[in-house]
Amino acid sequence: MKKFFSFLIGSLLVTATFAQSEKYVKAMEAKIALIDSARTPDAWKELANAFERIGEAEKNQWLPFYYAAYANVMAGTFSMPMDGSFGDNSAVADPYADKAEKMLTKATELTKANTETYCIQKMIHGLRMMGNPMNRYMTEGPLADAALTKAKEANAGNPRIYILEAQDKFYTPEQFGGSKAEAKVLFEKAQSLFETYKPESSIAPNWGKTTIGYFLSQIN
């Protein structure tokens, strides 16, 4: 009888854990599905907050905090002036970069640093540099490059690496090493990698395809 009750309790615990996991996955899938349609700072902030809430509820899952970091970077990026100016916009960029860094730290406390977390780290340094490029190019630039190098060392088949490299080439003036032609090659490489890339699960990082399509449409 004692063995029977032990078995019953164990079965109930497994069922409860499975149900909780299924609920978590569905909540994540619903929010991840909104990533490609987010086009405003408010939309990205809403997603960032939603992912953070999921992370705080689950406690031991790193992906919600990873996505919260990503969404905060994107909220900061979409909040920046779009007039091409290179002034001091650190007051706009830094709060988002700080929040993204906080979320990424939580993610890496729950999993070892990997190609995906290094990509987000690169994006955070890029956002900080965008906030004041003239004063931060020599500090944040090398940190961003170092993070991307680590991402490539961890998994050179990650298409997001080449999207980030391509964006750098696209936006950097030619006199400083930028090139639309080189950006196109990198975007096409990322596009090719997506043809065989298989995410580990339905909620694993898989963003970037729509980004490639947008930039390729901008390059003659």
N, C-alpha and C. Protein backbone atom coordinates (compact mmCIF):
# COMPACT_ATOMS: atom_id res chain seq x y z
N MET A 1 0.83 -1.21 0.00
CA MET A 1 0.00 0.00 0.00
C MET A 1 0.87 1.26 0.00
N LYS A 2 1.92 1.21 0.82
CA LYS A 2 2.83 2.36 0.89
C LYS A 2 3.44 2.64 -0.48
N LYS A 3 3.84 1.57 -1.18
CA LYS A 3 4.43 1.72 -2.51
C LYS A 3 3.41 2.29 -3.49
N PHE A 4 2.15 1.87 -3.33
CA PHE A 4 1.10 2.36 -4.22
C PHE A 4 0.92 3.86 -4.07
N PHE A 5 0.86 4.34 -2.80
CA PHE A 5 0.68 5.78 -2.57
C PHE A 5 1.89 6.58 -3.06
N SER A 6 3.07 6.00 -2.91
CA SER A 6 4.27 6.68 -3.40
C SER A 6 4.21 6.82 -4.92
N PHE A 7 3.76 5.74 -5.57
CA PHE A 7 3.62 5.76 -7.03
C PHE A 7 2.57 6.78 -7.46
N LEU A 8 1.45 6.83 -6.71
CA LEU A 8 0.36 7.75 -7.04
C LEU A 8 0.81 9.20 -6.91
N ILE A 9 1.49 9.49 -5.80
CA ILE A 9 1.98 10.86 -5.58
C ILE A 9 2.97 11.25 -6.67
N GLY A 10 3.86 10.29 -7.02
CA GLY A 10 4.84 10.57 -8.07
C GLY A 10 4.17 10.84 -9.40
N SER A 11 3.14 10.08 -9.71
CA SER A 11 2.41 10.26 -10.96
C SER A 11 1.73 11.62 -11.01
N LEU A 12 1.14 12.03 -9.88
CA LEU A 12 0.47 13.34 -9.82
C LEU A 12 1.46 14.47 -10.01
N LEU A 13 2.65 14.31 -9.42
CA LEU A 13 3.67 15.35 -9.56
C LEU A 13 4.13 15.47 -11.02
N VAL A 14 4.31 14.34 -11.68
CA VAL A 14 4.72 14.34 -13.08
C VAL A 14 3.65 15.00 -13.93
N THR A 15 2.38 14.67 -13.66
CA THR A 15 1.27 15.25 -14.41
C THR A 15 1.21 16.76 -14.22
N ALA A 16 1.38 17.21 -12.97
CA ALA A 16 1.34 18.65 -12.67
C ALA A 16 2.48 19.38 -13.36
N THR A 17 3.67 18.75 -13.35
CA THR A 17 4.84 19.36 -13.99
C THR A 17 4.63 19.46 -15.50
N PHE A 18 4.08 18.40 -16.09
CA PHE A 18 3.82 18.40 -17.52
C PHE A 18 2.82 19.48 -17.89
N ALA A 19 1.75 19.60 -17.07
CA ALA A 19 0.72 20.60 -17.35
C ALA A 19 1.30 22.00 -17.25
N GLN A 20 2.16 22.23 -16.24
CA GLN A 20 2.78 23.53 -16.08
C GLN A 20 3.70 23.82 -17.27
N SER A 21 4.45 22.81 -17.71
CA SER A 21 5.35 22.98 -18.84
C SER A 21 4.56 23.29 -20.11
N GLU A 22 3.46 22.59 -20.31
CA GLU A 22 2.63 22.82 -21.49
C GLU A 22 2.06 24.24 -21.47
N LYS A 23 1.65 24.69 -20.30
CA LYS A 23 1.11 26.05 -20.16
C LYS A 23 2.18 27.08 -20.48
N TYR A 24 3.39 26.82 -19.99
CA TYR A 24 4.53 27.71 -20.23
C TYR A 24 4.84 27.81 -21.72
N VAL A 25 4.92 26.66 -22.38
CA VAL A 25 5.24 26.64 -23.81
C VAL A 25 4.19 27.40 -24.61
N LYS A 26 2.94 27.18 -24.31
CA LYS A 26 1.86 27.86 -25.05
C LYS A 26 1.91 29.37 -24.82
N ALA A 27 2.20 29.78 -23.58
CA ALA A 27 2.32 31.22 -23.30
C ALA A 27 3.47 31.83 -24.08
N MET A 28 4.58 31.10 -24.15
CA MET A 28 5.74 31.59 -24.90
C MET A 28 5.44 31.64 -26.39
N GLU A 29 4.83 30.60 -26.91
CA GLU A 29 4.51 30.56 -28.34
C GLU A 29 3.63 31.73 -28.75
N ALA A 30 2.67 32.07 -27.88
CA ALA A 30 1.75 33.17 -28.20
C ALA A 30 2.49 34.50 -28.31
N LYS A 31 3.46 34.72 -27.44
CA LYS A 31 4.21 35.99 -27.46
C LYS A 31 5.26 35.99 -28.57
N ILE A 32 5.90 34.86 -28.79
CA ILE A 32 6.91 34.78 -29.86
C ILE A 32 6.27 35.04 -31.21
N ALA A 33 5.02 34.61 -31.37
CA ALA A 33 4.31 34.81 -32.64
C ALA A 33 4.11 36.29 -32.96
N LEU A 34 4.23 37.16 -31.95
CA LEU A 34 4.02 38.59 -32.15
C LEU A 34 5.29 39.33 -32.54
N ILE A 35 6.42 38.66 -32.47
CA ILE A 35 7.70 39.32 -32.72
C ILE A 35 7.78 39.92 -34.12
N ASP A 36 7.39 39.17 -35.12
CA ASP A 36 7.54 39.65 -36.50
C ASP A 36 6.62 40.82 -36.82
N SER A 37 5.56 41.01 -36.04
CA SER A 37 4.62 42.11 -36.32
C SER A 37 4.87 43.34 -35.45
N ALA A 38 5.82 43.26 -34.52
CA ALA A 38 6.13 44.40 -33.65
C ALA A 38 6.88 45.46 -34.45
N ARG A 39 6.32 46.67 -34.50
CA ARG A 39 6.91 47.72 -35.32
C ARG A 39 7.05 49.06 -34.58
N THR A 40 6.64 49.10 -33.31
CA THR A 40 6.70 50.35 -32.55
C THR A 40 7.37 50.11 -31.20
N PRO A 41 7.90 51.17 -30.58
CA PRO A 41 8.48 51.00 -29.26
C PRO A 41 7.49 50.41 -28.26
N ASP A 42 6.24 50.87 -28.31
CA ASP A 42 5.24 50.37 -27.37
C ASP A 42 4.98 48.88 -27.55
N ALA A 43 4.94 48.43 -28.81
CA ALA A 43 4.72 47.00 -29.07
C ALA A 43 5.87 46.17 -28.51
N TRP A 44 7.09 46.67 -28.69
CA TRP A 44 8.25 45.93 -28.18
C TRP A 44 8.30 45.98 -26.66
N LYS A 45 7.93 47.11 -26.07
CA LYS A 45 7.91 47.21 -24.61
C LYS A 45 6.89 46.26 -24.02
N GLU A 46 5.74 46.17 -24.67
CA GLU A 46 4.70 45.25 -24.21
C GLU A 46 5.20 43.80 -24.25
N LEU A 47 5.89 43.45 -25.33
CA LEU A 47 6.44 42.11 -25.43
C LEU A 47 7.52 41.87 -24.36
N ALA A 48 8.39 42.87 -24.16
CA ALA A 48 9.44 42.74 -23.15
C ALA A 48 8.84 42.48 -21.78
N ASN A 49 7.82 43.24 -21.44
CA ASN A 49 7.17 43.07 -20.13
C ASN A 49 6.49 41.71 -20.02
N ALA A 50 5.88 41.26 -21.12
CA ALA A 50 5.19 39.97 -21.11
C ALA A 50 6.19 38.83 -20.90
N PHE A 51 7.31 38.87 -21.61
CA PHE A 51 8.32 37.83 -21.45
C PHE A 51 8.91 37.86 -20.04
N GLU A 52 9.11 39.05 -19.50
CA GLU A 52 9.65 39.14 -18.14
C GLU A 52 8.68 38.53 -17.14
N ARG A 53 7.38 38.78 -17.33
CA ARG A 53 6.39 38.21 -16.41
C ARG A 53 6.40 36.67 -16.48
N ILE A 54 6.54 36.15 -17.68
CA ILE A 54 6.61 34.69 -17.82
C ILE A 54 7.85 34.16 -17.11
N GLY A 55 8.96 34.85 -17.28
CA GLY A 55 10.20 34.44 -16.63
C GLY A 55 10.09 34.46 -15.12
N GLU A 56 9.48 35.49 -14.57
CA GLU A 56 9.34 35.59 -13.12
C GLU A 56 8.40 34.52 -12.58
N ALA A 57 7.43 34.12 -13.40
CA ALA A 57 6.50 33.08 -12.98
C ALA A 57 7.15 31.69 -13.03
N GLU A 58 8.01 31.47 -14.02
CA GLU A 58 8.61 30.15 -14.20
C GLU A 58 9.86 29.95 -13.35
N LYS A 59 10.59 31.02 -13.11
CA LYS A 59 11.77 31.03 -12.24
C LYS A 59 13.01 30.33 -12.82
N ASN A 60 12.84 29.14 -13.41
CA ASN A 60 14.01 28.36 -13.83
C ASN A 60 14.17 28.25 -15.34
N GLN A 61 13.43 29.06 -16.10
CA GLN A 61 13.51 29.03 -17.55
C GLN A 61 14.28 30.26 -18.05
N TRP A 62 15.29 30.03 -18.89
CA TRP A 62 16.11 31.15 -19.35
C TRP A 62 15.54 31.88 -20.56
N LEU A 63 14.77 31.18 -21.39
CA LEU A 63 14.30 31.77 -22.63
C LEU A 63 13.40 33.00 -22.44
N PRO A 64 12.51 33.04 -21.45
CA PRO A 64 11.71 34.26 -21.29
C PRO A 64 12.57 35.50 -21.06
N PHE A 65 13.63 35.34 -20.27
CA PHE A 65 14.51 36.48 -20.01
C PHE A 65 15.35 36.82 -21.24
N TYR A 66 15.72 35.81 -22.00
CA TYR A 66 16.42 36.04 -23.26
C TYR A 66 15.55 36.90 -24.19
N TYR A 67 14.30 36.51 -24.35
CA TYR A 67 13.39 37.26 -25.22
C TYR A 67 13.09 38.64 -24.65
N ALA A 68 13.02 38.74 -23.34
CA ALA A 68 12.80 40.06 -22.71
C ALA A 68 13.97 40.98 -23.02
N ALA A 69 15.18 40.44 -22.98
CA ALA A 69 16.37 41.23 -23.33
C ALA A 69 16.31 41.68 -24.78
N TYR A 70 15.99 40.74 -25.66
CA TYR A 70 15.88 41.05 -27.09
C TYR A 70 14.84 42.13 -27.35
N ALA A 71 13.67 41.98 -26.73
CA ALA A 71 12.59 42.94 -26.94
C ALA A 71 12.94 44.32 -26.40
N ASN A 72 13.68 44.38 -25.30
CA ASN A 72 14.10 45.68 -24.78
C ASN A 72 15.09 46.36 -25.73
N VAL A 73 16.00 45.58 -26.32
CA VAL A 73 16.92 46.15 -27.31
C VAL A 73 16.14 46.72 -28.49
N MET A 74 15.15 45.96 -28.95
CA MET A 74 14.36 46.41 -30.09
C MET A 74 13.52 47.63 -29.73
N ALA A 75 12.99 47.67 -28.53
CA ALA A 75 12.23 48.85 -28.09
C ALA A 75 13.13 50.08 -28.10
N GLY A 76 14.37 49.91 -27.64
CA GLY A 76 15.32 51.02 -27.66
C GLY A 76 15.68 51.44 -29.07
N THR A 77 15.87 50.46 -29.94
CA THR A 77 16.21 50.75 -31.33
C THR A 77 15.10 51.52 -32.03
N PHE A 78 13.87 51.10 -31.82
CA PHE A 78 12.73 51.77 -32.45
C PHE A 78 12.43 53.12 -31.80
N SER A 79 13.01 53.38 -30.64
CA SER A 79 12.80 54.67 -29.97
C SER A 79 13.81 55.72 -30.40
N MET A 80 14.85 55.30 -31.11
CA MET A 80 15.89 56.23 -31.51
C MET A 80 15.41 57.14 -32.64
N PRO A 81 15.95 58.37 -32.71
CA PRO A 81 15.60 59.27 -33.82
C PRO A 81 15.95 58.63 -35.16
N MET A 82 15.07 58.78 -36.12
CA MET A 82 15.27 58.16 -37.42
C MET A 82 15.75 59.14 -38.48
N ASP A 83 16.33 60.26 -38.04
CA ASP A 83 16.77 61.27 -39.00
C ASP A 83 18.23 61.11 -39.40
N GLY A 84 18.86 60.03 -38.91
CA GLY A 84 20.25 59.78 -39.29
C GLY A 84 21.26 60.62 -38.52
N SER A 85 20.83 61.31 -37.49
CA SER A 85 21.74 62.16 -36.72
C SER A 85 22.64 61.31 -35.84
N PHE A 86 23.81 61.85 -35.50
CA PHE A 86 24.79 61.15 -34.69
C PHE A 86 25.03 61.88 -33.37
N GLY A 87 24.00 62.54 -32.87
CA GLY A 87 24.14 63.27 -31.62
C GLY A 87 24.06 62.36 -30.41
N ASP A 88 23.97 62.99 -29.24
CA ASP A 88 23.90 62.24 -27.99
C ASP A 88 22.45 61.89 -27.69
N ASN A 89 22.10 60.64 -27.93
CA ASN A 89 20.78 60.13 -27.61
C ASN A 89 20.85 59.06 -26.53
N SER A 90 21.88 59.17 -25.69
CA SER A 90 22.08 58.16 -24.65
C SER A 90 20.92 58.12 -23.66
N ALA A 91 20.25 59.25 -23.46
CA ALA A 91 19.12 59.27 -22.53
C ALA A 91 17.97 58.41 -23.05
N VAL A 92 17.94 58.23 -24.36
CA VAL A 92 16.92 57.36 -24.97
C VAL A 92 17.38 55.91 -24.95
N ALA A 93 18.61 55.68 -25.37
CA ALA A 93 19.10 54.31 -25.56
C ALA A 93 19.46 53.60 -24.26
N ASP A 94 20.08 54.31 -23.34
CA ASP A 94 20.66 53.64 -22.17
C ASP A 94 19.65 52.94 -21.27
N PRO A 95 18.49 53.52 -20.97
CA PRO A 95 17.53 52.80 -20.11
C PRO A 95 17.12 51.45 -20.70
N TYR A 96 16.94 51.40 -22.02
CA TYR A 96 16.59 50.13 -22.65
C TYR A 96 17.76 49.16 -22.63
N ALA A 97 18.96 49.67 -22.88
CA ALA A 97 20.15 48.82 -22.83
C ALA A 97 20.37 48.28 -21.43
N ASP A 98 20.15 49.11 -20.42
CA ASP A 98 20.31 48.68 -19.03
C ASP A 98 19.31 47.57 -18.69
N LYS A 99 18.06 47.75 -19.12
CA LYS A 99 17.05 46.74 -18.83
C LYS A 99 17.34 45.45 -19.58
N ALA A 100 17.78 45.58 -20.82
CA ALA A 100 18.14 44.41 -21.60
C ALA A 100 19.30 43.65 -20.94
N GLU A 101 20.28 44.39 -20.45
CA GLU A 101 21.42 43.78 -19.77
C GLU A 101 20.97 43.03 -18.52
N LYS A 102 20.04 43.62 -17.79
CA LYS A 102 19.51 42.98 -16.59
C LYS A 102 18.81 41.67 -16.94
N MET A 103 18.01 41.69 -18.01
CA MET A 103 17.29 40.48 -18.43
C MET A 103 18.27 39.41 -18.93
N LEU A 104 19.29 39.84 -19.67
CA LEU A 104 20.26 38.89 -20.19
C LEU A 104 21.06 38.25 -19.05
N THR A 105 21.35 39.02 -18.04
CA THR A 105 22.05 38.47 -16.87
C THR A 105 21.22 37.38 -16.22
N LYS A 106 19.93 37.61 -16.10
CA LYS A 106 19.04 36.59 -15.54
C LYS A 106 19.03 35.35 -16.40
N ALA A 107 19.03 35.55 -17.72
CA ALA A 107 19.04 34.40 -18.64
C ALA A 107 20.30 33.57 -18.46
N THR A 108 21.46 34.24 -18.39
CA THR A 108 22.72 33.52 -18.32
C THR A 108 22.98 32.95 -16.93
N GLU A 109 22.20 33.37 -15.95
CA GLU A 109 22.27 32.73 -14.63
C GLU A 109 21.55 31.39 -14.64
N LEU A 110 20.68 31.21 -15.64
CA LEU A 110 19.89 29.98 -15.72
C LEU A 110 20.40 29.01 -16.80
N THR A 111 21.30 29.48 -17.64
CA THR A 111 21.90 28.63 -18.67
C THR A 111 23.29 29.17 -18.95
N LYS A 112 24.13 28.33 -19.51
CA LYS A 112 25.47 28.82 -19.84
C LYS A 112 25.39 29.75 -21.05
N ALA A 113 26.30 30.68 -21.12
CA ALA A 113 26.34 31.59 -22.27
C ALA A 113 26.45 30.77 -23.55
N ASN A 114 25.73 31.19 -24.57
CA ASN A 114 25.70 30.44 -25.81
C ASN A 114 25.61 31.40 -27.00
N THR A 115 25.56 30.84 -28.19
CA THR A 115 25.55 31.69 -29.39
C THR A 115 24.42 32.71 -29.38
N GLU A 116 23.27 32.33 -28.83
CA GLU A 116 22.13 33.24 -28.82
C GLU A 116 22.31 34.35 -27.80
N THR A 117 22.80 34.03 -26.62
CA THR A 117 22.99 35.08 -25.62
C THR A 117 24.11 36.03 -26.03
N TYR A 118 25.13 35.50 -26.72
CA TYR A 118 26.19 36.38 -27.21
C TYR A 118 25.65 37.34 -28.28
N CYS A 119 24.71 36.87 -29.09
CA CYS A 119 24.11 37.76 -30.10
C CYS A 119 23.37 38.91 -29.42
N ILE A 120 22.64 38.61 -28.36
CA ILE A 120 21.93 39.67 -27.65
C ILE A 120 22.91 40.61 -26.98
N GLN A 121 24.01 40.06 -26.43
CA GLN A 121 25.03 40.91 -25.83
C GLN A 121 25.59 41.88 -26.86
N LYS A 122 25.80 41.38 -28.07
CA LYS A 122 26.28 42.23 -29.16
C LYS A 122 25.28 43.34 -29.43
N MET A 123 24.00 43.01 -29.44
CA MET A 123 22.97 43.99 -29.72
C MET A 123 22.88 45.06 -28.63
N ILE A 124 23.11 44.65 -27.40
CA ILE A 124 23.09 45.62 -26.29
C ILE A 124 24.22 46.62 -26.44
N HIS A 125 25.42 46.14 -26.76
CA HIS A 125 26.54 47.06 -26.98
C HIS A 125 26.26 47.95 -28.19
N GLY A 126 25.63 47.39 -29.20
CA GLY A 126 25.28 48.18 -30.37
C GLY A 126 24.29 49.28 -30.05
N LEU A 127 23.32 48.99 -29.19
CA LEU A 127 22.35 50.01 -28.79
C LEU A 127 23.03 51.12 -27.99
N ARG A 128 23.93 50.74 -27.10
CA ARG A 128 24.65 51.76 -26.32
C ARG A 128 25.47 52.65 -27.25
N MET A 129 26.11 52.05 -28.23
CA MET A 129 26.90 52.83 -29.19
C MET A 129 25.99 53.75 -30.01
N MET A 130 24.82 53.25 -30.38
CA MET A 130 23.87 54.05 -31.13
C MET A 130 23.43 55.28 -30.35
N GLY A 131 23.44 55.16 -29.02
CA GLY A 131 23.03 56.28 -28.18
C GLY A 131 23.97 57.46 -28.25
N ASN A 132 25.25 57.20 -28.54
CA ASN A 132 26.23 58.30 -28.66
C ASN A 132 27.42 57.78 -29.47
N PRO A 133 27.24 57.59 -30.76
CA PRO A 133 28.27 56.93 -31.58
C PRO A 133 29.61 57.63 -31.60
N MET A 134 29.62 58.93 -31.61
CA MET A 134 30.89 59.65 -31.69
C MET A 134 31.76 59.40 -30.47
N ASN A 135 31.14 59.29 -29.30
CA ASN A 135 31.89 59.12 -28.06
C ASN A 135 32.05 57.66 -27.64
N ARG A 136 31.24 56.78 -28.22
CA ARG A 136 31.25 55.39 -27.74
C ARG A 136 31.76 54.39 -28.77
N TYR A 137 32.08 54.86 -29.95
CA TYR A 137 32.51 53.94 -31.01
C TYR A 137 33.74 53.14 -30.58
N MET A 138 34.67 53.77 -29.91
CA MET A 138 35.92 53.11 -29.54
C MET A 138 35.78 52.21 -28.31
N THR A 139 34.69 52.32 -27.59
CA THR A 139 34.48 51.49 -26.40
C THR A 139 33.46 50.40 -26.66
N GLU A 140 32.26 50.80 -27.08
CA GLU A 140 31.20 49.81 -27.29
C GLU A 140 31.41 49.00 -28.57
N GLY A 141 32.04 49.61 -29.58
CA GLY A 141 32.28 48.89 -30.83
C GLY A 141 33.08 47.60 -30.64
N PRO A 142 34.25 47.68 -29.98
CA PRO A 142 35.04 46.46 -29.76
C PRO A 142 34.31 45.43 -28.90
N LEU A 143 33.52 45.90 -27.93
CA LEU A 143 32.76 44.97 -27.09
C LEU A 143 31.70 44.24 -27.91
N ALA A 144 31.06 44.97 -28.81
CA ALA A 144 30.07 44.35 -29.69
C ALA A 144 30.73 43.33 -30.60
N ASP A 145 31.89 43.67 -31.16
CA ASP A 145 32.61 42.76 -32.04
C ASP A 145 33.04 41.50 -31.28
N ALA A 146 33.48 41.68 -30.05
CA ALA A 146 33.94 40.54 -29.24
C ALA A 146 32.79 39.59 -28.94
N ALA A 147 31.62 40.15 -28.65
CA ALA A 147 30.45 39.31 -28.37
C ALA A 147 30.05 38.52 -29.61
N LEU A 148 30.12 39.16 -30.78
CA LEU A 148 29.75 38.47 -32.02
C LEU A 148 30.76 37.39 -32.36
N THR A 149 32.03 37.63 -32.06
CA THR A 149 33.06 36.61 -32.27
C THR A 149 32.78 35.38 -31.41
N LYS A 150 32.39 35.61 -30.16
CA LYS A 150 32.06 34.50 -29.27
C LYS A 150 30.82 33.75 -29.76
N ALA A 151 29.86 34.49 -30.31
CA ALA A 151 28.66 33.85 -30.85
C ALA A 151 29.04 32.92 -32.00
N LYS A 152 29.96 33.37 -32.83
CA LYS A 152 30.38 32.58 -33.98
C LYS A 152 31.20 31.36 -33.54
N GLU A 153 32.01 31.53 -32.52
CA GLU A 153 32.79 30.42 -31.99
C GLU A 153 31.89 29.35 -31.39
N ALA A 154 30.79 29.79 -30.79
CA ALA A 154 29.86 28.85 -30.16
C ALA A 154 29.05 28.09 -31.20
N ASN A 155 28.68 28.76 -32.30
CA ASN A 155 27.90 28.10 -33.36
C ASN A 155 27.93 28.98 -34.60
N ALA A 156 28.84 28.68 -35.49
CA ALA A 156 29.00 29.48 -36.71
C ALA A 156 27.83 29.30 -37.67
N GLY A 157 26.96 28.34 -37.40
CA GLY A 157 25.80 28.12 -38.26
C GLY A 157 24.57 28.89 -37.84
N ASN A 158 24.71 29.75 -36.86
CA ASN A 158 23.58 30.56 -36.38
C ASN A 158 23.36 31.72 -37.36
N PRO A 159 22.23 31.76 -38.06
CA PRO A 159 22.02 32.82 -39.07
C PRO A 159 21.95 34.22 -38.49
N ARG A 160 21.58 34.33 -37.21
CA ARG A 160 21.45 35.66 -36.61
C ARG A 160 22.80 36.39 -36.52
N ILE A 161 23.87 35.62 -36.44
CA ILE A 161 25.21 36.22 -36.42
C ILE A 161 25.42 37.07 -37.66
N TYR A 162 25.06 36.53 -38.80
CA TYR A 162 25.34 37.20 -40.08
C TYR A 162 24.34 38.32 -40.36
N ILE A 163 23.15 38.20 -39.77
CA ILE A 163 22.20 39.32 -39.84
C ILE A 163 22.78 40.53 -39.12
N LEU A 164 23.33 40.30 -37.93
CA LEU A 164 23.91 41.40 -37.15
C LEU A 164 25.13 41.99 -37.85
N GLU A 165 25.97 41.13 -38.43
CA GLU A 165 27.12 41.61 -39.19
C GLU A 165 26.66 42.42 -40.40
N ALA A 166 25.64 41.93 -41.07
CA ALA A 166 25.13 42.61 -42.26
C ALA A 166 24.56 43.98 -41.92
N GLN A 167 23.85 44.06 -40.81
CA GLN A 167 23.29 45.35 -40.40
C GLN A 167 24.39 46.36 -40.12
N ASP A 168 25.47 45.90 -39.50
CA ASP A 168 26.61 46.79 -39.26
C ASP A 168 27.15 47.34 -40.58
N LYS A 169 27.33 46.45 -41.55
CA LYS A 169 27.84 46.87 -42.85
C LYS A 169 26.86 47.81 -43.56
N PHE A 170 25.57 47.55 -43.38
CA PHE A 170 24.53 48.35 -44.04
C PHE A 170 24.51 49.78 -43.50
N TYR A 171 24.60 49.92 -42.19
CA TYR A 171 24.43 51.24 -41.58
C TYR A 171 25.73 52.03 -41.44
N THR A 172 26.87 51.36 -41.48
CA THR A 172 28.14 52.06 -41.31
C THR A 172 28.50 52.81 -42.60
N PRO A 173 28.85 54.10 -42.50
CA PRO A 173 29.27 54.84 -43.70
C PRO A 173 30.47 54.17 -44.37
N GLU A 174 30.55 54.28 -45.67
CA GLU A 174 31.62 53.60 -46.42
C GLU A 174 33.01 54.02 -45.97
N GLN A 175 33.15 55.30 -45.60
CA GLN A 175 34.47 55.77 -45.19
C GLN A 175 34.94 55.13 -43.88
N PHE A 176 34.00 54.49 -43.18
CA PHE A 176 34.35 53.80 -41.93
C PHE A 176 34.22 52.29 -42.06
N GLY A 177 34.18 51.80 -43.29
CA GLY A 177 34.17 50.35 -43.52
C GLY A 177 32.82 49.76 -43.87
N GLY A 178 31.81 50.58 -44.01
CA GLY A 178 30.49 50.08 -44.38
C GLY A 178 30.41 49.75 -45.86
N SER A 179 29.46 48.90 -46.21
CA SER A 179 29.30 48.52 -47.61
C SER A 179 27.96 47.84 -47.80
N LYS A 180 27.10 48.41 -48.64
CA LYS A 180 25.82 47.79 -48.94
C LYS A 180 26.03 46.46 -49.68
N ALA A 181 27.03 46.42 -50.54
CA ALA A 181 27.31 45.20 -51.29
C ALA A 181 27.71 44.06 -50.36
N GLU A 182 28.58 44.35 -49.39
CA GLU A 182 29.00 43.34 -48.43
C GLU A 182 27.85 42.96 -47.52
N ALA A 183 27.01 43.93 -47.19
CA ALA A 183 25.84 43.64 -46.37
C ALA A 183 24.93 42.65 -47.09
N LYS A 184 24.76 42.84 -48.38
CA LYS A 184 23.90 41.95 -49.17
C LYS A 184 24.42 40.52 -49.12
N VAL A 185 25.73 40.35 -49.25
CA VAL A 185 26.33 39.02 -49.21
C VAL A 185 26.06 38.36 -47.86
N LEU A 186 26.18 39.13 -46.79
CA LEU A 186 25.96 38.59 -45.45
C LEU A 186 24.49 38.26 -45.21
N PHE A 187 23.60 39.12 -45.68
CA PHE A 187 22.17 38.82 -45.55
C PHE A 187 21.81 37.55 -46.32
N GLU A 188 22.40 37.41 -47.51
CA GLU A 188 22.12 36.22 -48.32
C GLU A 188 22.69 34.96 -47.65
N LYS A 189 23.83 35.11 -46.97
CA LYS A 189 24.38 33.97 -46.24
C LYS A 189 23.44 33.56 -45.12
N ALA A 190 22.92 34.54 -44.38
CA ALA A 190 21.97 34.25 -43.30
C ALA A 190 20.72 33.58 -43.87
N GLN A 191 20.26 34.09 -45.00
CA GLN A 191 19.08 33.53 -45.65
C GLN A 191 19.32 32.07 -46.02
N SER A 192 20.50 31.78 -46.54
CA SER A 192 20.84 30.42 -46.93
C SER A 192 20.90 29.50 -45.71
N LEU A 193 21.44 29.99 -44.61
CA LEU A 193 21.52 29.19 -43.38
C LEU A 193 20.14 28.86 -42.84
N PHE A 194 19.19 29.79 -42.99
CA PHE A 194 17.84 29.54 -42.52
C PHE A 194 17.18 28.36 -43.25
N GLU A 195 17.66 28.07 -44.45
CA GLU A 195 17.06 26.98 -45.23
C GLU A 195 17.29 25.62 -44.58
N THR A 196 18.37 25.49 -43.81
CA THR A 196 18.67 24.22 -43.14
C THR A 196 18.66 24.35 -41.62
N TYR A 197 18.48 25.57 -41.12
CA TYR A 197 18.52 25.80 -39.67
C TYR A 197 17.29 25.21 -39.00
N LYS A 198 17.49 24.46 -37.94
CA LYS A 198 16.38 23.85 -37.21
C LYS A 198 16.46 24.25 -35.74
N PRO A 199 15.54 25.09 -35.27
CA PRO A 199 15.54 25.46 -33.85
C PRO A 199 15.29 24.24 -32.98
N GLU A 200 15.79 24.27 -31.76
CA GLU A 200 15.70 23.12 -30.88
C GLU A 200 14.27 22.82 -30.42
N SER A 201 13.42 23.82 -30.45
CA SER A 201 12.04 23.63 -30.02
C SER A 201 11.18 24.73 -30.63
N SER A 202 9.89 24.68 -30.37
CA SER A 202 8.97 25.69 -30.92
C SER A 202 9.19 27.06 -30.30
N ILE A 203 9.89 27.12 -29.17
CA ILE A 203 10.11 28.42 -28.51
C ILE A 203 11.59 28.82 -28.52
N ALA A 204 12.42 28.02 -29.15
CA ALA A 204 13.84 28.38 -29.26
C ALA A 204 14.00 29.55 -30.23
N PRO A 205 15.04 30.34 -30.10
CA PRO A 205 15.25 31.49 -30.99
C PRO A 205 15.21 31.11 -32.47
N ASN A 206 14.41 31.83 -33.21
CA ASN A 206 14.29 31.57 -34.65
C ASN A 206 13.98 32.86 -35.40
N TRP A 207 14.21 34.01 -34.75
CA TRP A 207 13.89 35.29 -35.35
C TRP A 207 14.95 35.68 -36.39
N GLY A 208 14.54 36.56 -37.29
CA GLY A 208 15.49 37.11 -38.25
C GLY A 208 15.09 37.01 -39.71
N LYS A 209 14.20 36.09 -40.05
CA LYS A 209 13.86 35.90 -41.46
C LYS A 209 13.24 37.15 -42.07
N THR A 210 12.31 37.78 -41.36
CA THR A 210 11.67 38.98 -41.90
C THR A 210 12.66 40.14 -41.99
N THR A 211 13.61 40.17 -41.08
CA THR A 211 14.65 41.21 -41.11
C THR A 211 15.45 41.11 -42.40
N ILE A 212 15.80 39.90 -42.77
CA ILE A 212 16.56 39.68 -44.01
C ILE A 212 15.78 40.19 -45.21
N GLY A 213 14.50 39.83 -45.26
CA GLY A 213 13.66 40.25 -46.39
C GLY A 213 13.58 41.75 -46.50
N TYR A 214 13.45 42.43 -45.36
CA TYR A 214 13.36 43.89 -45.39
C TYR A 214 14.63 44.52 -45.94
N PHE A 215 15.78 44.10 -45.41
CA PHE A 215 17.03 44.74 -45.82
C PHE A 215 17.39 44.43 -47.27
N LEU A 216 17.13 43.21 -47.71
CA LEU A 216 17.43 42.88 -49.10
C LEU A 216 16.57 43.71 -50.05
N SER A 217 15.38 44.05 -49.59
CA SER A 217 14.51 44.90 -50.43
C SER A 217 15.03 46.34 -50.50
N GLN A 218 15.89 46.72 -49.57
CA GLN A 218 16.45 48.07 -49.54
C GLN A 218 17.76 48.20 -50.29
N ILE A 219 18.31 47.04 -50.68
CA ILE A 219 19.61 47.05 -51.37
C ILE A 219 19.41 46.76 -52.84
N ASN A 220 19.83 47.65 -53.69
CA ASN A 220 19.69 47.47 -55.14
C ASN A 220 20.68 46.44 -55.67
